Amino acid sequence: MVACFGVLTRFVLAALSIGSNDATIWRVFAEYINVYGLERTYLDLDGRPGSPVPVFNHPPPAALYAALCWKIAEATGARFAILLKLAGLFAEIGTMTLLWRIWRTRSGPTVAASAVAAYSFAFCVILVSGYHANTDCVYAFLTLLAVWLLSQARPLEAGLTMALAINVKLIPIFAVPAMVASFRDWRSFFKFSIGGSVAILPFLPYLVNIPQKVFQSVVAYTPIFDYWGVVGVLLASANSPRFNEVVPSLLEGYTTHYRYFLLGPILAAAIWSRLRRVALLESVLLALTLFLALTPGFGVQYTALVTPVMFAVSYRWGLRWATSAGAFIFIPYFAYHDRGFPWNSTFTGRFPMPAPLLGFLAWALLVSLVVALVRRDLGERALVDSEARTPKGTAGG
């Protein structure tokens, strides 16, 4: 019953709101796709000066889903933002179902019910799924589903699921090294690779016709810089007379070479996880946490990325994260609220105070989680014991 109320909260919030800038941006994308086609959308909406929206940087399936939502909205008069949010809302139900299965197997139905109830009121994903208007809760659910499928010795289905997640947004690709490092036989790896290779199929027509534009818009895209993580610390330091002369060069260096700062630790973590025979859920959580902690570009909706997997590893850590991250992202939603109805927040600048302070606390929590994962000291032995019983030849070690 508690979980049902949490789900209802998400749907009610979605019904009462438009969301953030992303709702308007997605509507422009969707209309453009319906009028001019997807290839023309990649070509025209590239973020150049004078463009009505930022660069169109989404994979084809996510784009076509938005186009379908626009068609339905035009035909029925339904609000486009609600239709766009439906995928994330149902993905949240899927996440809760998976958490129930994972925790019931590990610790029994009572603990499973507590974990699902805790997730149902996870503040950051309530805001992202019910309010923001984007696709992040979808790929977060699919990533958790892929990990669960691997734990069930179903590598082909896991690969197909990751292919789908990557076709919602490319971010889940950073979980793949941890998954690959977990395999103990070539047969399972081959099946996972076959499933995962499907990810390229929706891109093929556009990679053939406009490869450079797709690479620039989708692969090489970097979100806006704001008060988050390493970049946030540097931006805040620029206000100090002692640091304002060196911060620009540090920012340029970090944002120019950020792929190395991201990929290096994530690949190292995957190798370390294999050598130490770390449970797959923990290994994937470490990879996604490193991504979120080190990424130079950030959007408030990214807070949903790690939440399902974190709750699957430890719902106590999940609650800490969801509460701190939720408090952080609520501030810009509230500060940039248009004061109208349906509720809508138009971001017009960087995160206002006290969001940077709350964001630093949430980021520090991620850093402490990385330390806890490396030290194998989450305070919950049940996960390790459960994962140790994973059938031989499948992921999880």
Protein backbone atom coordinates (compact mmCIF):
# COMPACT_ATOMS: atom_id res chain seq x y z
CA MET A 1 0.00 0.00 0.00
CA VAL A 2 2.83 2.40 0.81
CA ALA A 3 4.45 1.75 -2.56
CA CYS A 4 1.12 2.31 -4.32
CA PHE A 5 0.87 5.73 -2.69
CA GLY A 6 4.39 6.53 -3.91
CA VAL A 7 3.43 5.55 -7.46
CA LEU A 8 0.23 7.59 -7.22
CA THR A 9 2.28 10.60 -6.09
CA ARG A 10 4.32 10.39 -9.29
CA PHE A 11 1.25 10.20 -11.54
CA VAL A 12 -0.53 13.06 -9.74
CA LEU A 13 2.58 15.25 -9.99
CA ALA A 14 2.80 14.46 -13.71
CA ALA A 15 -0.86 15.41 -14.19
CA LEU A 16 -0.46 18.72 -12.35
CA SER A 17 2.67 19.84 -14.16
CA ILE A 18 4.38 20.50 -17.46
CA GLY A 19 7.86 20.17 -15.96
CA SER A 20 11.13 21.79 -16.90
CA ASN A 21 12.58 23.34 -20.06
CA ASP A 22 12.96 19.79 -21.37
CA ALA A 23 9.20 19.46 -21.85
CA THR A 24 9.19 22.42 -24.25
CA ILE A 25 12.42 21.34 -25.95
CA TRP A 26 11.16 17.80 -26.48
CA ARG A 27 7.93 19.16 -27.96
CA VAL A 28 9.91 21.20 -30.52
CA PHE A 29 12.02 18.13 -31.32
CA ALA A 30 8.92 15.96 -31.72
CA GLU A 31 7.10 18.43 -33.97
CA TYR A 32 10.19 18.90 -36.13
CA ILE A 33 10.57 15.13 -36.55
CA ASN A 34 6.94 14.79 -37.62
CA VAL A 35 7.16 17.66 -40.09
CA TYR A 36 10.66 17.19 -41.56
CA GLY A 37 11.78 13.69 -40.58
CA LEU A 38 14.47 12.47 -38.20
CA GLU A 39 17.44 12.89 -40.53
CA ARG A 40 16.58 16.52 -41.20
CA THR A 41 16.18 17.03 -37.44
CA TYR A 42 19.75 15.84 -36.82
CA LEU A 43 20.96 18.16 -39.57
CA ASP A 44 19.02 21.30 -38.63
CA LEU A 45 18.71 21.25 -34.84
CA ASP A 46 22.42 21.30 -34.07
CA GLY A 47 22.49 24.06 -31.48
CA ARG A 48 23.86 26.69 -33.83
CA PRO A 49 23.24 30.37 -32.96
CA GLY A 50 19.63 31.26 -33.66
CA SER A 51 18.39 27.69 -33.26
CA PRO A 52 15.06 27.59 -31.34
CA VAL A 53 16.31 24.72 -29.14
CA PRO A 54 19.61 23.17 -28.03
CA VAL A 55 21.28 20.48 -30.11
CA PHE A 56 19.16 17.42 -30.85
CA ASN A 57 21.28 14.71 -29.22
CA HIS A 58 18.94 11.75 -28.71
CA PRO A 59 19.05 8.23 -30.23
CA PRO A 60 16.44 7.39 -32.90
CA PRO A 61 14.06 5.26 -30.74
CA ALA A 62 13.77 7.97 -28.07
CA ALA A 63 13.17 10.51 -30.82
CA LEU A 64 10.45 8.43 -32.44
CA TYR A 65 8.74 7.91 -29.08
CA ALA A 66 8.59 11.69 -28.63
CA ALA A 67 7.26 12.07 -32.19
CA LEU A 68 4.50 9.56 -31.38
CA CYS A 69 3.62 11.49 -28.22
CA TRP A 70 3.30 14.67 -30.29
CA LYS A 71 1.00 12.95 -32.79
CA ILE A 72 -1.23 11.65 -30.00
CA ALA A 73 -1.28 15.06 -28.32
CA GLU A 74 -2.27 16.76 -31.55
CA ALA A 75 -4.97 14.20 -32.29
CA THR A 76 -6.50 14.02 -28.83
CA GLY A 77 -5.71 17.33 -27.17
CA ALA A 78 -3.79 15.55 -24.40
CA ARG A 79 -0.90 17.43 -22.87
CA PHE A 80 2.34 16.45 -24.61
CA ALA A 81 4.36 16.59 -21.39
CA ILE A 82 2.17 13.98 -19.70
CA LEU A 83 2.49 11.61 -22.65
CA LEU A 84 6.27 12.06 -22.67
CA LYS A 85 6.44 11.29 -18.94
CA LEU A 86 4.42 8.07 -19.22
CA ALA A 87 7.42 5.98 -20.26
CA GLY A 88 9.36 7.07 -17.18
CA LEU A 89 6.37 6.59 -14.89
CA PHE A 90 5.82 3.01 -16.03
CA ALA A 91 9.57 2.43 -15.86
CA GLU A 92 9.37 3.38 -12.18
CA ILE A 93 6.77 0.65 -11.65
CA GLY A 94 9.15 -1.73 -13.39
CA THR A 95 11.98 -0.65 -11.09
CA MET A 96 9.89 -1.29 -7.99
CA THR A 97 8.93 -4.73 -9.31
CA LEU A 98 12.59 -5.59 -9.85
CA LEU A 99 13.58 -4.31 -6.42
CA TRP A 100 10.91 -6.54 -4.90
CA ARG A 101 12.32 -9.59 -6.69
CA ILE A 102 15.93 -8.79 -5.86
CA TRP A 103 15.33 -8.12 -2.17
CA ARG A 104 12.84 -10.96 -1.70
CA THR A 105 15.41 -13.43 -3.03
CA ARG A 106 18.14 -11.92 -0.91
CA SER A 107 16.45 -11.19 2.41
CA GLY A 108 12.81 -12.27 2.32
CA PRO A 109 9.47 -10.51 1.70
CA THR A 110 9.56 -8.22 4.75
CA VAL A 111 12.85 -6.58 3.79
CA ALA A 112 11.74 -6.54 0.14
CA ALA A 113 8.58 -4.63 1.07
CA SER A 114 10.67 -2.12 3.04
CA ALA A 115 13.05 -1.60 0.10
CA VAL A 116 10.20 -1.04 -2.37
CA ALA A 117 8.42 1.32 0.03
CA ALA A 118 11.66 3.27 0.51
CA TYR A 119 12.15 3.58 -3.26
CA SER A 120 8.54 4.60 -3.81
CA PHE A 121 9.27 7.77 -1.80
CA ALA A 122 12.75 8.39 -3.21
CA PHE A 123 12.55 12.17 -3.57
CA CYS A 124 14.87 12.67 -6.54
CA VAL A 125 13.17 10.08 -8.79
CA ILE A 126 9.72 11.34 -7.80
CA LEU A 127 10.76 14.74 -9.14
CA VAL A 128 12.48 13.38 -12.25
CA SER A 129 9.73 10.91 -13.24
CA GLY A 130 6.69 12.96 -12.21
CA TYR A 131 7.86 16.50 -12.92
CA HIS A 132 10.94 16.97 -15.08
CA ALA A 133 9.81 15.47 -18.44
CA ASN A 134 12.65 13.41 -19.88
CA THR A 135 13.64 9.79 -20.43
CA ASP A 136 16.18 9.22 -17.64
CA CYS A 137 14.04 6.94 -15.47
CA VAL A 138 13.59 4.66 -18.48
CA TYR A 139 17.26 3.91 -19.08
CA ALA A 140 17.89 3.72 -15.33
CA PHE A 141 15.26 0.96 -15.08
CA LEU A 142 16.59 -0.85 -18.16
CA THR A 143 20.12 -0.84 -16.74
CA LEU A 144 18.90 -2.47 -13.53
CA LEU A 145 16.87 -4.96 -15.58
CA ALA A 146 19.97 -5.90 -17.61
CA VAL A 147 21.95 -6.52 -14.42
CA TRP A 148 19.14 -8.68 -13.05
CA LEU A 149 18.95 -10.68 -16.28
CA LEU A 150 22.69 -11.34 -16.06
CA SER A 151 22.24 -12.59 -12.51
CA GLN A 152 19.60 -14.99 -13.88
CA ALA A 153 22.10 -16.41 -16.42
CA ARG A 154 20.33 -14.76 -19.37
CA PRO A 155 23.15 -12.87 -21.12
CA LEU A 156 21.43 -12.58 -24.51
CA GLU A 157 18.37 -10.89 -23.00
CA ALA A 158 20.65 -8.71 -20.88
CA GLY A 159 22.53 -7.57 -23.98
CA LEU A 160 19.28 -6.75 -25.77
CA THR A 161 18.09 -4.80 -22.73
CA MET A 162 21.31 -2.78 -22.62
CA ALA A 163 20.93 -2.11 -26.35
CA LEU A 164 17.50 -0.67 -25.63
CA ALA A 165 18.81 1.38 -22.71
CA ILE A 166 21.56 2.88 -24.88
CA ASN A 167 18.93 3.75 -27.48
CA VAL A 168 17.08 5.79 -24.88
CA LYS A 169 20.22 7.74 -23.96
CA LEU A 170 23.90 6.85 -24.37
CA ILE A 171 24.77 7.22 -20.68
CA PRO A 172 24.17 3.52 -19.75
CA ILE A 173 27.11 2.58 -21.97
CA PHE A 174 29.33 3.44 -19.00
CA ALA A 175 27.92 0.40 -17.17
CA VAL A 176 28.99 -1.98 -19.94
CA PRO A 177 32.67 -2.40 -18.86
CA ALA A 178 31.53 -3.61 -15.43
CA MET A 179 29.15 -6.09 -17.06
CA VAL A 180 31.74 -7.37 -19.52
CA ALA A 181 34.34 -7.78 -16.77
CA SER A 182 31.95 -10.01 -14.83
CA PHE A 183 31.82 -12.83 -17.37
CA ARG A 184 33.64 -16.07 -16.56
CA ASP A 185 33.14 -17.87 -19.87
CA TRP A 186 33.25 -16.85 -23.53
CA ARG A 187 29.84 -18.31 -24.36
CA SER A 188 28.01 -15.92 -22.02
CA PHE A 189 30.14 -13.00 -23.20
CA PHE A 190 29.36 -13.85 -26.82
CA LYS A 191 25.61 -13.97 -26.17
CA PHE A 192 25.70 -10.65 -24.33
CA SER A 193 27.71 -9.09 -27.17
CA ILE A 194 25.26 -10.35 -29.79
CA GLY A 195 22.37 -8.82 -27.87
CA GLY A 196 24.23 -5.58 -27.22
CA SER A 197 25.25 -5.19 -30.87
CA VAL A 198 21.58 -4.59 -31.72
CA ALA A 199 22.09 -1.10 -30.26
CA ILE A 200 23.70 0.05 -33.51
CA LEU A 201 20.79 -0.92 -35.78
CA PRO A 202 18.54 2.13 -35.21
CA PHE A 203 21.52 4.41 -35.91
CA LEU A 204 22.58 2.74 -39.18
CA PRO A 205 20.57 4.82 -41.69
CA TYR A 206 21.87 8.03 -40.14
CA LEU A 207 25.44 6.79 -39.71
CA VAL A 208 25.46 5.98 -43.42
CA ASN A 209 23.94 9.27 -44.60
CA ILE A 210 25.11 11.84 -42.02
CA PRO A 211 27.83 10.16 -39.89
CA GLN A 212 29.64 13.33 -38.85
CA LYS A 213 26.46 15.09 -37.74
CA VAL A 214 25.28 12.09 -35.69
CA PHE A 215 28.68 11.78 -34.03
CA GLN A 216 28.82 15.49 -33.18
CA SER A 217 25.25 15.67 -31.91
CA VAL A 218 24.83 12.34 -30.10
CA VAL A 219 28.23 10.86 -29.27
CA ALA A 220 30.29 14.00 -28.69
CA TYR A 221 27.52 15.91 -26.91
CA THR A 222 28.44 17.46 -23.55
CA PRO A 223 25.72 18.78 -21.20
CA ILE A 224 25.90 22.26 -19.73
CA PHE A 225 28.40 23.06 -16.98
CA ASP A 226 26.91 23.94 -13.63
CA TYR A 227 27.55 23.74 -9.90
CA TRP A 228 28.06 20.01 -9.73
CA GLY A 229 31.07 17.81 -9.04
CA VAL A 230 34.60 18.76 -10.03
CA VAL A 231 33.35 21.49 -12.38
CA GLY A 232 31.12 22.88 -9.63
CA VAL A 233 34.05 23.11 -7.22
CA LEU A 234 36.11 24.92 -9.88
CA LEU A 235 33.27 27.31 -10.70
CA ALA A 236 32.84 28.15 -7.01
CA SER A 237 36.60 28.61 -6.62
CA ALA A 238 36.59 31.19 -9.42
CA ASN A 239 35.08 33.67 -6.97
CA SER A 240 38.22 33.56 -4.83
CA PRO A 241 40.97 36.09 -5.65
CA ARG A 242 43.59 33.43 -5.05
CA PHE A 243 42.11 31.00 -7.57
CA ASN A 244 40.36 33.12 -10.21
CA GLU A 245 43.49 33.29 -12.38
CA VAL A 246 44.07 29.52 -12.55
CA VAL A 247 40.48 28.27 -12.59
CA PRO A 248 39.83 29.04 -16.30
CA SER A 249 42.80 26.93 -17.39
CA LEU A 250 41.81 24.12 -15.01
CA LEU A 251 38.24 24.21 -16.29
CA GLU A 252 39.40 24.14 -19.89
CA GLY A 253 41.73 21.23 -19.21
CA TYR A 254 39.12 19.18 -17.38
CA THR A 255 36.28 19.82 -19.82
CA THR A 256 38.51 19.24 -22.86
CA HIS A 257 39.91 15.94 -21.65
CA TYR A 258 36.96 14.78 -19.55
CA ARG A 259 36.54 11.54 -21.50
CA TYR A 260 39.87 10.34 -20.13
CA PHE A 261 38.89 11.38 -16.61
CA LEU A 262 35.67 9.38 -17.02
CA LEU A 263 36.79 6.31 -18.94
CA GLY A 264 40.05 5.77 -17.05
CA PRO A 265 38.50 5.30 -13.58
CA ILE A 266 35.50 3.37 -14.95
CA LEU A 267 37.71 0.88 -16.84
CA ALA A 268 40.04 0.59 -13.85
CA ALA A 269 37.05 -0.08 -11.61
CA ALA A 270 35.83 -2.84 -13.95
CA ILE A 271 39.24 -4.55 -13.90
CA TRP A 272 39.47 -4.18 -10.13
CA SER A 273 35.95 -5.62 -9.72
CA ARG A 274 36.90 -8.66 -11.76
CA LEU A 275 40.12 -9.27 -9.84
CA ARG A 276 38.37 -8.87 -6.50
CA ARG A 277 35.30 -10.85 -7.65
CA VAL A 278 32.98 -8.02 -6.69
CA ALA A 279 29.24 -8.68 -6.98
CA LEU A 280 27.86 -7.46 -10.30
CA LEU A 281 25.35 -5.04 -8.75
CA GLU A 282 28.13 -3.40 -6.74
CA SER A 283 30.41 -3.27 -9.78
CA VAL A 284 27.76 -1.58 -11.93
CA LEU A 285 26.89 0.81 -9.12
CA LEU A 286 30.58 1.75 -8.82
CA ALA A 287 30.77 2.47 -12.56
CA LEU A 288 27.63 4.63 -12.62
CA THR A 289 28.62 6.46 -9.44
CA LEU A 290 32.04 7.26 -10.91
CA PHE A 291 30.35 8.60 -14.03
CA LEU A 292 28.00 10.83 -12.08
CA ALA A 293 30.74 12.03 -9.73
CA LEU A 294 33.23 12.85 -12.51
CA THR A 295 31.05 14.06 -15.39
CA PRO A 296 31.74 17.71 -16.28
CA GLY A 297 28.27 18.32 -17.71
CA PHE A 298 25.22 17.81 -15.56
CA GLY A 299 21.45 17.99 -15.66
CA VAL A 300 19.25 17.57 -12.60
CA GLN A 301 17.55 14.59 -14.25
CA TYR A 302 20.85 12.67 -14.13
CA THR A 303 20.25 12.05 -10.43
CA ALA A 304 17.91 9.23 -11.50
CA LEU A 305 20.76 7.33 -13.16
CA VAL A 306 22.21 5.63 -10.08
CA THR A 307 19.09 5.47 -7.93
CA PRO A 308 17.58 2.08 -8.96
CA VAL A 309 20.90 0.22 -8.80
CA MET A 310 21.80 1.94 -5.53
CA PHE A 311 18.53 0.81 -3.95
CA ALA A 312 19.18 -2.70 -5.24
CA VAL A 313 22.57 -2.73 -3.51
CA SER A 314 21.55 -0.94 -0.31
CA TYR A 315 18.28 0.82 0.25
CA ARG A 316 19.85 2.69 3.17
CA TRP A 317 22.42 4.24 0.84
CA GLY A 318 19.63 4.71 -1.68
CA LEU A 319 17.54 6.69 0.79
CA ARG A 320 20.49 8.91 1.70
CA TRP A 321 21.15 9.61 -1.95
CA ALA A 322 17.51 10.10 -2.98
CA THR A 323 16.91 12.52 -0.09
CA SER A 324 20.06 14.59 -0.55
CA ALA A 325 19.81 14.65 -4.34
CA GLY A 326 16.07 15.39 -4.15
CA ALA A 327 16.64 18.37 -1.86
CA PHE A 328 19.34 19.60 -4.25
CA ILE A 329 17.27 19.44 -7.46
CA PHE A 330 14.09 20.72 -5.79
CA ILE A 331 15.72 24.15 -5.30
CA PRO A 332 16.12 25.01 -9.02
CA TYR A 333 12.69 23.55 -9.81
CA PHE A 334 11.20 25.82 -7.15
CA ALA A 335 13.36 28.87 -7.84
CA TYR A 336 12.65 28.82 -11.58
CA HIS A 337 8.95 28.01 -11.18
CA ASP A 338 6.79 30.13 -13.49
CA ARG A 339 4.15 30.66 -10.76
CA GLY A 340 1.44 29.43 -13.07
CA PHE A 341 -0.59 26.27 -13.54
CA PRO A 342 0.08 23.59 -14.68
CA TRP A 343 3.33 23.84 -12.76
CA ASN A 344 6.38 24.55 -14.88
CA SER A 345 9.98 25.56 -14.23
CA THR A 346 11.94 27.47 -16.85
CA PHE A 347 15.64 27.31 -16.04
CA THR A 348 17.26 30.58 -17.06
CA GLY A 349 20.68 30.27 -15.46
CA ARG A 350 22.87 28.22 -13.18
CA PHE A 351 21.64 26.61 -9.99
CA PRO A 352 20.64 29.32 -7.49
CA MET A 353 21.62 29.19 -3.83
CA PRO A 354 21.37 27.06 -1.78
CA ALA A 355 21.34 24.45 -4.56
CA PRO A 356 25.14 24.52 -5.04
CA LEU A 357 25.66 23.77 -1.34
CA LEU A 358 23.11 20.94 -1.37
CA GLY A 359 24.58 19.68 -4.62
CA PHE A 360 28.02 19.55 -3.04
CA LEU A 361 26.63 17.47 -0.17
CA ALA A 362 24.98 15.05 -2.63
CA TRP A 363 28.20 14.83 -4.64
CA ALA A 364 30.21 14.22 -1.45
CA LEU A 365 27.82 11.36 -0.65
CA LEU A 366 28.63 9.81 -4.04
CA VAL A 367 32.35 10.13 -3.33
CA SER A 368 31.87 8.45 0.06
CA LEU A 369 29.91 5.68 -1.67
CA VAL A 370 32.81 5.08 -4.05
CA VAL A 371 35.11 4.76 -1.03
CA ALA A 372 32.67 2.37 0.67
CA LEU A 373 32.38 0.24 -2.48
CA VAL A 374 36.15 0.04 -2.90
CA ARG A 375 36.60 -0.86 0.76
CA ARG A 376 33.74 -3.41 0.45
CA ASP A 377 32.21 -1.76 3.49
CA LEU A 378 28.56 -0.96 2.73
CA GLY A 379 27.44 -2.43 6.03
CA GLU A 380 25.23 -5.00 4.28
CA ARG A 381 26.70 -8.48 3.89
CA ALA A 382 23.50 -9.95 2.46
CA LEU A 383 24.32 -8.70 -1.03
CA VAL A 384 27.72 -10.34 -1.16
CA ASP A 385 26.37 -13.62 0.23
CA SER A 386 23.50 -13.65 -2.26
CA GLU A 387 25.65 -12.81 -5.27
CA ALA A 388 28.15 -15.50 -4.29
CA ARG A 389 25.41 -18.02 -5.08
CA THR A 390 25.11 -16.86 -8.71
CA PRO A 391 25.27 -19.92 -11.01
CA LYS A 392 28.66 -20.71 -12.47
CA GLY A 393 29.34 -19.32 -15.90
CA THR A 394 27.18 -16.22 -15.54
CA ALA A 395 27.86 -12.70 -14.45
CA GLY A 396 28.52 -11.90 -10.88
CA GLY A 397 31.64 -13.99 -10.28
